[in-house]
Amino acid sequence: MATFNGYVAEVMEEKIRVTPTREAEPFDGIVFHVARPLLDETPLLVGQQVRVEHDERLTRSLPPQATARRVDVL
């Protein structure tokens, strides 16, 4: 497992985009696919600092995408 620390830049249906800084460009960061139970457990808002635990597989899209296993609000 790998971790990515950053800020929530966008919240979509069962996805979040997390960027390393608060000032985000459209293709910055990583889009994480988040299972509904994780989102229900921890409501996520734009601007929150988070730590996302994910497997190390990323797509080659811009921005890259991965599957979140755990999301912690810091």
N, C-alpha and C. Protein backbone atom coordinates (compact mmCIF):
# COMPACT_ATOMS: atom_id res chain seq x y z
N MET A 1 0.84 -1.19 0.00
CA MET A 1 0.00 0.00 0.00
C MET A 1 0.88 1.25 0.00
N ALA A 2 0.32 2.28 -0.58
CA ALA A 2 1.00 3.58 -0.63
C ALA A 2 0.07 4.63 -0.05
N THR A 3 0.63 5.78 0.32
CA THR A 3 -0.19 6.87 0.83
C THR A 3 0.08 8.14 0.03
N PHE A 4 -0.92 8.99 -0.04
CA PHE A 4 -0.80 10.29 -0.71
C PHE A 4 -1.43 11.31 0.20
N ASN A 5 -0.67 12.33 0.58
CA ASN A 5 -1.17 13.42 1.43
C ASN A 5 -1.44 14.63 0.55
N GLY A 6 -2.56 15.29 0.82
CA GLY A 6 -2.87 16.48 0.05
C GLY A 6 -4.19 17.09 0.48
N TYR A 7 -4.76 17.88 -0.41
CA TYR A 7 -5.99 18.61 -0.14
C TYR A 7 -7.07 18.19 -1.14
N VAL A 8 -8.28 18.06 -0.65
CA VAL A 8 -9.40 17.72 -1.53
C VAL A 8 -9.68 18.92 -2.43
N ALA A 9 -9.55 18.73 -3.73
CA ALA A 9 -9.77 19.81 -4.69
C ALA A 9 -11.15 19.71 -5.33
N GLU A 10 -11.69 18.48 -5.35
CA GLU A 10 -12.98 18.27 -6.01
C GLU A 10 -13.63 17.02 -5.42
N VAL A 11 -14.94 17.09 -5.21
CA VAL A 11 -15.70 15.94 -4.72
C VAL A 11 -16.74 15.61 -5.78
N MET A 12 -16.69 14.38 -6.28
CA MET A 12 -17.63 13.91 -7.30
C MET A 12 -18.34 12.67 -6.74
N GLU A 13 -19.26 12.11 -7.51
CA GLU A 13 -19.95 10.91 -7.06
C GLU A 13 -18.97 9.75 -6.98
N GLU A 14 -18.70 9.28 -5.77
CA GLU A 14 -17.80 8.17 -5.48
C GLU A 14 -16.37 8.39 -5.98
N LYS A 15 -15.97 9.67 -6.12
CA LYS A 15 -14.60 10.02 -6.49
C LYS A 15 -14.22 11.32 -5.81
N ILE A 16 -12.93 11.46 -5.52
CA ILE A 16 -12.39 12.73 -5.04
C ILE A 16 -11.09 12.99 -5.78
N ARG A 17 -10.79 14.27 -6.01
CA ARG A 17 -9.48 14.63 -6.57
C ARG A 17 -8.69 15.29 -5.48
N VAL A 18 -7.51 14.74 -5.22
CA VAL A 18 -6.64 15.23 -4.15
C VAL A 18 -5.37 15.79 -4.79
N THR A 19 -5.01 17.01 -4.38
CA THR A 19 -3.83 17.68 -4.94
C THR A 19 -2.82 17.95 -3.82
N PRO A 20 -1.54 18.06 -4.16
CA PRO A 20 -0.53 18.29 -3.13
C PRO A 20 -0.59 19.67 -2.48
N THR A 21 -1.18 20.65 -3.18
CA THR A 21 -1.30 22.00 -2.62
C THR A 21 -2.75 22.47 -2.75
N ARG A 22 -3.08 23.52 -2.02
CA ARG A 22 -4.45 24.06 -2.09
C ARG A 22 -4.74 24.71 -3.44
N GLU A 23 -3.71 25.29 -4.08
CA GLU A 23 -3.88 25.93 -5.38
C GLU A 23 -3.74 24.85 -6.44
N ALA A 24 -4.85 24.40 -7.00
CA ALA A 24 -4.84 23.26 -7.91
C ALA A 24 -5.21 23.65 -9.34
N GLU A 25 -4.48 23.11 -10.27
CA GLU A 25 -4.81 23.23 -11.69
C GLU A 25 -5.75 22.06 -12.03
N PRO A 26 -6.46 22.11 -13.15
CA PRO A 26 -7.42 21.06 -13.48
C PRO A 26 -6.84 19.64 -13.57
N PHE A 27 -5.57 19.50 -13.94
CA PHE A 27 -5.00 18.17 -14.09
C PHE A 27 -4.03 17.81 -12.96
N ASP A 28 -3.98 18.61 -11.90
CA ASP A 28 -3.12 18.33 -10.75
C ASP A 28 -3.69 17.21 -9.90
N GLY A 29 -2.81 16.54 -9.19
CA GLY A 29 -3.23 15.57 -8.20
C GLY A 29 -3.61 14.22 -8.76
N ILE A 30 -4.39 13.49 -7.96
CA ILE A 30 -4.84 12.14 -8.30
C ILE A 30 -6.33 12.06 -8.03
N VAL A 31 -7.06 11.42 -8.95
CA VAL A 31 -8.48 11.14 -8.73
C VAL A 31 -8.57 9.77 -8.06
N PHE A 32 -9.17 9.75 -6.89
CA PHE A 32 -9.33 8.49 -6.16
C PHE A 32 -10.77 8.04 -6.23
N HIS A 33 -10.98 6.79 -6.63
CA HIS A 33 -12.30 6.18 -6.60
C HIS A 33 -12.51 5.71 -5.16
N VAL A 34 -13.61 6.17 -4.56
CA VAL A 34 -13.87 5.90 -3.14
C VAL A 34 -15.19 5.14 -3.04
N ALA A 35 -15.17 4.01 -2.34
CA ALA A 35 -16.38 3.22 -2.15
C ALA A 35 -17.39 4.00 -1.31
N ARG A 36 -18.66 3.82 -1.61
CA ARG A 36 -19.74 4.52 -0.89
C ARG A 36 -19.62 4.39 0.62
N PRO A 37 -19.32 3.20 1.20
CA PRO A 37 -19.21 3.13 2.67
C PRO A 37 -18.14 4.06 3.24
N LEU A 38 -17.03 4.25 2.52
CA LEU A 38 -15.99 5.18 3.00
C LEU A 38 -16.50 6.61 2.99
N LEU A 39 -17.24 6.99 1.96
CA LEU A 39 -17.77 8.35 1.88
C LEU A 39 -18.83 8.60 2.95
N ASP A 40 -19.65 7.58 3.23
CA ASP A 40 -20.67 7.73 4.27
C ASP A 40 -20.04 7.85 5.65
N GLU A 41 -18.93 7.15 5.85
CA GLU A 41 -18.22 7.14 7.14
C GLU A 41 -17.55 8.48 7.41
N THR A 42 -16.94 9.07 6.37
CA THR A 42 -16.21 10.32 6.51
C THR A 42 -16.63 11.28 5.42
N PRO A 43 -17.56 12.21 5.69
CA PRO A 43 -17.93 13.18 4.66
C PRO A 43 -16.72 14.05 4.29
N LEU A 44 -16.46 14.19 3.02
CA LEU A 44 -15.30 14.95 2.56
C LEU A 44 -15.74 16.25 1.91
N LEU A 45 -15.00 17.31 2.21
CA LEU A 45 -15.30 18.64 1.69
C LEU A 45 -14.07 19.21 0.98
N VAL A 46 -14.31 20.05 0.00
CA VAL A 46 -13.22 20.71 -0.71
C VAL A 46 -12.40 21.53 0.28
N GLY A 47 -11.08 21.41 0.20
CA GLY A 47 -10.19 22.16 1.08
C GLY A 47 -9.66 21.37 2.27
N GLN A 48 -10.29 20.24 2.59
CA GLN A 48 -9.81 19.44 3.72
C GLN A 48 -8.46 18.80 3.39
N GLN A 49 -7.60 18.72 4.40
CA GLN A 49 -6.34 18.03 4.23
C GLN A 49 -6.59 16.56 4.54
N VAL A 50 -6.14 15.66 3.66
CA VAL A 50 -6.41 14.24 3.82
C VAL A 50 -5.16 13.41 3.57
N ARG A 51 -5.20 12.19 4.08
CA ARG A 51 -4.20 11.17 3.77
C ARG A 51 -4.98 10.01 3.15
N VAL A 52 -4.61 9.63 1.94
CA VAL A 52 -5.32 8.57 1.23
C VAL A 52 -4.39 7.36 1.12
N GLU A 53 -4.86 6.22 1.59
CA GLU A 53 -4.12 4.97 1.44
C GLU A 53 -4.69 4.28 0.21
N HIS A 54 -3.82 3.87 -0.70
CA HIS A 54 -4.27 3.27 -1.95
C HIS A 54 -3.28 2.21 -2.40
N ASP A 55 -3.75 1.35 -3.33
CA ASP A 55 -2.79 0.42 -3.91
C ASP A 55 -1.92 1.24 -4.85
N GLU A 56 -0.83 0.73 -5.28
CA GLU A 56 0.13 1.53 -6.04
C GLU A 56 -0.18 1.59 -7.54
N ARG A 57 -1.29 1.01 -7.95
CA ARG A 57 -1.64 1.03 -9.38
C ARG A 57 -2.34 2.34 -9.73
N LEU A 58 -1.78 3.05 -10.69
CA LEU A 58 -2.35 4.31 -11.18
C LEU A 58 -2.57 4.22 -12.68
N THR A 59 -3.64 4.85 -13.16
CA THR A 59 -3.84 4.92 -14.60
C THR A 59 -2.88 5.94 -15.18
N ARG A 60 -2.74 5.94 -16.48
CA ARG A 60 -1.86 6.91 -17.15
C ARG A 60 -2.64 8.13 -17.64
N SER A 61 -3.85 8.28 -17.18
CA SER A 61 -4.66 9.43 -17.59
C SER A 61 -4.19 10.70 -16.89
N LEU A 62 -4.72 11.82 -17.32
CA LEU A 62 -4.44 13.10 -16.66
C LEU A 62 -5.73 13.64 -16.09
N PRO A 63 -5.87 13.77 -14.82
CA PRO A 63 -4.96 13.30 -13.78
C PRO A 63 -5.04 11.78 -13.63
N PRO A 64 -4.00 11.18 -13.06
CA PRO A 64 -4.03 9.74 -12.86
C PRO A 64 -5.15 9.35 -11.89
N GLN A 65 -5.58 8.09 -11.96
CA GLN A 65 -6.65 7.61 -11.09
C GLN A 65 -6.18 6.37 -10.35
N ALA A 66 -6.72 6.20 -9.15
CA ALA A 66 -6.40 5.03 -8.30
C ALA A 66 -7.62 4.73 -7.45
N THR A 67 -7.58 3.60 -6.77
CA THR A 67 -8.66 3.21 -5.87
C THR A 67 -8.22 3.44 -4.43
N ALA A 68 -8.99 4.24 -3.71
CA ALA A 68 -8.69 4.51 -2.30
C ALA A 68 -9.13 3.35 -1.43
N ARG A 69 -8.30 2.95 -0.52
CA ARG A 69 -8.64 1.90 0.45
C ARG A 69 -9.04 2.52 1.78
N ARG A 70 -8.47 3.70 2.07
CA ARG A 70 -8.75 4.40 3.32
C ARG A 70 -8.51 5.88 3.12
N VAL A 71 -9.37 6.72 3.70
CA VAL A 71 -9.21 8.16 3.63
C VAL A 71 -9.31 8.71 5.05
N ASP A 72 -8.26 9.41 5.49
CA ASP A 72 -8.24 10.02 6.82
C ASP A 72 -8.16 11.53 6.66
N VAL A 73 -9.06 12.24 7.35
CA VAL A 73 -9.01 13.70 7.37
C VAL A 73 -7.99 14.09 8.43
N LEU A 74 -7.05 14.95 8.07
CA LEU A 74 -5.98 15.34 9.00
C LEU A 74 -6.32 16.64 9.71
